[in-house]
N, C-alpha and C. Protein backbone atom coordinates (compact mmCIF):
# COMPACT_ATOMS: atom_id res chain seq x y z
N UNK A 1 -3.58 7.95 -9.40
CA UNK A 1 -4.10 7.87 -8.05
C UNK A 1 -2.93 7.98 -7.07
N UNK A 2 -3.21 8.54 -5.92
CA UNK A 2 -2.23 8.63 -4.84
C UNK A 2 -2.76 7.80 -3.67
N UNK A 3 -1.92 6.92 -3.15
CA UNK A 3 -2.29 6.07 -2.03
C UNK A 3 -1.26 6.24 -0.92
N UNK A 4 -1.71 6.56 0.28
CA UNK A 4 -0.83 6.68 1.45
C UNK A 4 -0.67 5.28 2.05
N UNK A 5 0.56 4.81 2.09
CA UNK A 5 0.82 3.46 2.60
C UNK A 5 0.71 3.40 4.11
N UNK A 6 0.56 2.18 4.61
CA UNK A 6 0.45 1.93 6.05
C UNK A 6 1.40 0.81 6.43
N UNK A 7 2.30 1.06 7.39
CA UNK A 7 3.15 0.00 7.92
C UNK A 7 4.37 -0.33 7.10
N UNK A 8 4.77 0.57 6.20
CA UNK A 8 5.95 0.31 5.37
C UNK A 8 6.90 1.50 5.39
N UNK A 9 8.11 1.27 4.90
CA UNK A 9 9.08 2.36 4.80
C UNK A 9 8.66 3.38 3.75
N UNK A 10 8.03 2.91 2.66
CA UNK A 10 7.50 3.86 1.69
C UNK A 10 6.28 4.54 2.32
N UNK A 11 6.04 5.78 1.92
CA UNK A 11 4.94 6.54 2.52
C UNK A 11 3.80 6.79 1.55
N UNK A 12 4.06 6.57 0.25
CA UNK A 12 3.05 6.90 -0.74
C UNK A 12 3.32 6.12 -2.02
N UNK A 13 2.24 5.78 -2.73
CA UNK A 13 2.35 5.16 -4.04
C UNK A 13 1.50 5.99 -5.00
N UNK A 14 2.09 6.32 -6.14
CA UNK A 14 1.37 7.02 -7.21
C UNK A 14 1.31 6.09 -8.42
N UNK A 15 0.15 6.06 -9.07
CA UNK A 15 0.03 5.25 -10.28
C UNK A 15 -1.16 5.74 -11.11
N UNK A 16 -1.17 5.31 -12.36
CA UNK A 16 -2.27 5.57 -13.27
C UNK A 16 -2.79 4.24 -13.78
N UNK A 17 -4.08 4.20 -14.06
CA UNK A 17 -4.68 3.07 -14.76
C UNK A 17 -5.29 3.65 -16.03
N UNK A 18 -4.78 3.19 -17.15
CA UNK A 18 -5.24 3.68 -18.45
C UNK A 18 -5.69 2.47 -19.27
N UNK A 19 -6.93 2.53 -19.74
CA UNK A 19 -7.50 1.42 -20.51
C UNK A 19 -7.36 0.09 -19.79
N UNK A 20 -7.56 0.11 -18.46
CA UNK A 20 -7.53 -1.11 -17.67
C UNK A 20 -6.15 -1.67 -17.40
N UNK A 21 -5.12 -0.88 -17.66
CA UNK A 21 -3.74 -1.33 -17.45
C UNK A 21 -2.99 -0.35 -16.56
N UNK A 22 -2.10 -0.89 -15.73
CA UNK A 22 -1.34 -0.11 -14.76
C UNK A 22 -0.14 0.57 -15.42
N UNK A 23 0.05 1.86 -15.08
CA UNK A 23 1.16 2.62 -15.66
C UNK A 23 1.75 3.56 -14.62
N UNK A 24 3.03 3.87 -14.80
CA UNK A 24 3.73 4.90 -14.02
C UNK A 24 3.64 4.70 -12.50
N UNK A 25 3.91 3.48 -12.04
CA UNK A 25 3.91 3.21 -10.60
C UNK A 25 5.18 3.81 -9.99
N UNK A 26 4.99 4.65 -9.00
CA UNK A 26 6.12 5.29 -8.32
C UNK A 26 5.87 5.28 -6.82
N UNK A 27 6.86 4.82 -6.08
CA UNK A 27 6.81 4.80 -4.62
C UNK A 27 7.61 5.98 -4.09
N UNK A 28 7.14 6.58 -3.00
CA UNK A 28 7.88 7.63 -2.31
C UNK A 28 8.43 7.01 -1.03
N UNK A 29 9.74 7.06 -0.85
CA UNK A 29 10.38 6.41 0.30
C UNK A 29 10.63 4.94 0.01
N UNK A 30 11.12 4.23 0.99
CA UNK A 30 11.37 2.80 0.83
C UNK A 30 12.67 2.51 0.12
N UNK A 31 12.84 1.29 -0.30
CA UNK A 31 14.05 0.80 -0.97
C UNK A 31 13.99 1.17 -2.45
N UNK A 32 14.64 2.25 -2.81
CA UNK A 32 14.51 2.86 -4.12
C UNK A 32 14.65 1.89 -5.28
N UNK A 33 15.73 1.15 -5.32
CA UNK A 33 15.97 0.24 -6.45
C UNK A 33 14.92 -0.86 -6.55
N UNK A 34 14.61 -1.49 -5.42
CA UNK A 34 13.61 -2.56 -5.42
C UNK A 34 12.25 -2.04 -5.87
N UNK A 35 11.89 -0.86 -5.40
CA UNK A 35 10.57 -0.33 -5.73
C UNK A 35 10.50 0.15 -7.18
N UNK A 36 11.59 0.64 -7.72
CA UNK A 36 11.62 0.94 -9.15
C UNK A 36 11.44 -0.34 -9.95
N UNK A 37 12.06 -1.42 -9.46
CA UNK A 37 11.93 -2.72 -10.13
C UNK A 37 10.50 -3.22 -10.11
N UNK A 38 9.82 -3.09 -8.99
CA UNK A 38 8.42 -3.51 -8.90
C UNK A 38 7.59 -2.70 -9.89
N UNK A 39 7.82 -1.38 -9.91
CA UNK A 39 7.09 -0.53 -10.86
C UNK A 39 7.29 -0.98 -12.30
N UNK A 40 8.53 -1.32 -12.65
CA UNK A 40 8.81 -1.77 -14.02
C UNK A 40 8.15 -3.12 -14.31
N UNK A 41 8.15 -4.01 -13.33
CA UNK A 41 7.58 -5.34 -13.54
C UNK A 41 6.06 -5.32 -13.72
N UNK A 42 5.38 -4.40 -13.04
CA UNK A 42 3.92 -4.37 -13.13
C UNK A 42 3.42 -3.44 -14.24
N UNK A 43 4.31 -2.71 -14.88
CA UNK A 43 3.92 -1.80 -15.96
C UNK A 43 3.12 -2.54 -17.02
N UNK A 44 1.93 -2.02 -17.33
CA UNK A 44 1.09 -2.61 -18.37
C UNK A 44 0.22 -3.77 -17.94
N UNK A 45 0.33 -4.19 -16.68
CA UNK A 45 -0.48 -5.31 -16.20
C UNK A 45 -1.87 -4.84 -15.79
N UNK A 46 -2.82 -5.77 -15.78
CA UNK A 46 -4.14 -5.48 -15.24
C UNK A 46 -4.05 -5.41 -13.73
N UNK A 47 -4.74 -4.46 -13.10
CA UNK A 47 -4.69 -4.36 -11.64
C UNK A 47 -5.04 -5.67 -10.94
N UNK A 48 -6.00 -6.40 -11.45
CA UNK A 48 -6.41 -7.66 -10.83
C UNK A 48 -5.28 -8.67 -10.81
N UNK A 49 -4.46 -8.69 -11.85
CA UNK A 49 -3.33 -9.62 -11.92
C UNK A 49 -2.24 -9.22 -10.92
N UNK A 50 -2.02 -7.92 -10.77
CA UNK A 50 -1.03 -7.44 -9.80
C UNK A 50 -1.48 -7.79 -8.39
N UNK A 51 -2.75 -7.60 -8.09
CA UNK A 51 -3.30 -7.93 -6.78
C UNK A 51 -3.09 -9.42 -6.49
N UNK A 52 -3.42 -10.26 -7.46
CA UNK A 52 -3.30 -11.71 -7.28
C UNK A 52 -1.86 -12.12 -6.98
N UNK A 53 -0.89 -11.44 -7.57
CA UNK A 53 0.51 -11.80 -7.37
C UNK A 53 1.11 -11.22 -6.09
N UNK A 54 0.71 -10.00 -5.71
CA UNK A 54 1.42 -9.30 -4.65
C UNK A 54 0.71 -9.27 -3.29
N UNK A 55 -0.60 -9.42 -3.28
CA UNK A 55 -1.33 -9.31 -2.01
C UNK A 55 -0.86 -10.37 -1.02
N UNK A 56 -0.64 -9.94 0.21
CA UNK A 56 -0.23 -10.87 1.26
C UNK A 56 1.28 -10.99 1.43
N UNK A 57 2.05 -10.33 0.57
CA UNK A 57 3.51 -10.34 0.70
C UNK A 57 3.88 -9.59 1.97
N UNK A 58 4.76 -10.18 2.78
CA UNK A 58 5.19 -9.54 4.02
C UNK A 58 6.64 -9.11 3.90
N UNK A 59 7.07 -8.26 4.84
CA UNK A 59 8.44 -7.78 4.89
C UNK A 59 8.97 -8.00 6.30
N UNK A 60 9.90 -8.94 6.43
CA UNK A 60 10.43 -9.25 7.77
C UNK A 60 9.30 -9.67 8.69
N UNK A 61 9.23 -9.01 9.85
CA UNK A 61 8.19 -9.35 10.82
C UNK A 61 6.93 -8.50 10.63
N UNK A 62 6.93 -7.62 9.64
CA UNK A 62 5.76 -6.78 9.39
C UNK A 62 4.67 -7.58 8.72
N UNK A 63 3.41 -7.27 9.00
CA UNK A 63 2.31 -8.01 8.37
C UNK A 63 2.02 -7.54 6.95
N UNK A 64 2.75 -6.56 6.46
CA UNK A 64 2.56 -6.03 5.12
C UNK A 64 3.91 -5.73 4.50
N UNK A 65 3.92 -5.19 3.29
CA UNK A 65 5.14 -4.83 2.57
C UNK A 65 4.77 -3.80 1.52
N UNK A 66 5.75 -3.26 0.86
CA UNK A 66 5.45 -2.32 -0.23
C UNK A 66 4.67 -2.99 -1.36
N UNK A 67 5.02 -4.23 -1.78
CA UNK A 67 4.20 -4.89 -2.79
C UNK A 67 2.75 -5.13 -2.31
N UNK A 68 2.59 -5.53 -1.06
CA UNK A 68 1.24 -5.72 -0.50
C UNK A 68 0.48 -4.40 -0.48
N UNK A 69 1.17 -3.32 -0.14
CA UNK A 69 0.51 -2.01 -0.13
C UNK A 69 0.09 -1.59 -1.53
N UNK A 70 0.86 -1.95 -2.56
CA UNK A 70 0.44 -1.69 -3.93
C UNK A 70 -0.84 -2.47 -4.23
N UNK A 71 -0.91 -3.71 -3.79
CA UNK A 71 -2.13 -4.50 -3.98
C UNK A 71 -3.31 -3.83 -3.28
N UNK A 72 -3.10 -3.34 -2.07
CA UNK A 72 -4.17 -2.67 -1.33
C UNK A 72 -4.60 -1.39 -2.05
N UNK A 73 -3.65 -0.65 -2.59
CA UNK A 73 -3.96 0.57 -3.34
C UNK A 73 -4.81 0.24 -4.57
N UNK A 74 -4.44 -0.84 -5.25
CA UNK A 74 -5.19 -1.23 -6.45
C UNK A 74 -6.59 -1.72 -6.10
N UNK A 75 -6.72 -2.41 -4.98
CA UNK A 75 -8.05 -2.84 -4.54
C UNK A 75 -8.92 -1.61 -4.25
N UNK A 76 -8.34 -0.61 -3.60
CA UNK A 76 -9.08 0.62 -3.32
C UNK A 76 -9.47 1.32 -4.62
N UNK A 77 -8.55 1.36 -5.57
CA UNK A 77 -8.84 1.96 -6.87
C UNK A 77 -10.00 1.24 -7.54
N UNK A 78 -9.95 -0.09 -7.58
CA UNK A 78 -11.00 -0.86 -8.25
C UNK A 78 -12.35 -0.66 -7.58
N UNK A 79 -12.35 -0.59 -6.25
CA UNK A 79 -13.61 -0.38 -5.52
C UNK A 79 -14.19 1.00 -5.84
N UNK A 80 -13.32 2.00 -5.98
CA UNK A 80 -13.82 3.36 -6.26
C UNK A 80 -14.23 3.51 -7.73
N UNK A 81 -13.75 2.64 -8.60
CA UNK A 81 -14.07 2.73 -10.02
C UNK A 81 -15.39 2.04 -10.36
N UNK A 82 -16.01 1.39 -9.40
CA UNK A 82 -17.26 0.67 -9.63
C UNK A 82 -18.41 1.61 -9.92
């Protein structure tokens, strides 16, 4: 899935969900090393677990962050998979 982020330095998140598990999370833009780390940490997790951990994370004075945007992307994915 491709998700266009809102309010962050990253502009896009790409990921796959295979057999109910998250794989190949890649951010375009943003803090390269940190976002590679997030992708590695969530590899193989259930989308619901990632949402529970990351949703609501802020960045500085922004009301969102790249981790929060990943949670929003996963929520959108789950809603469309219904």
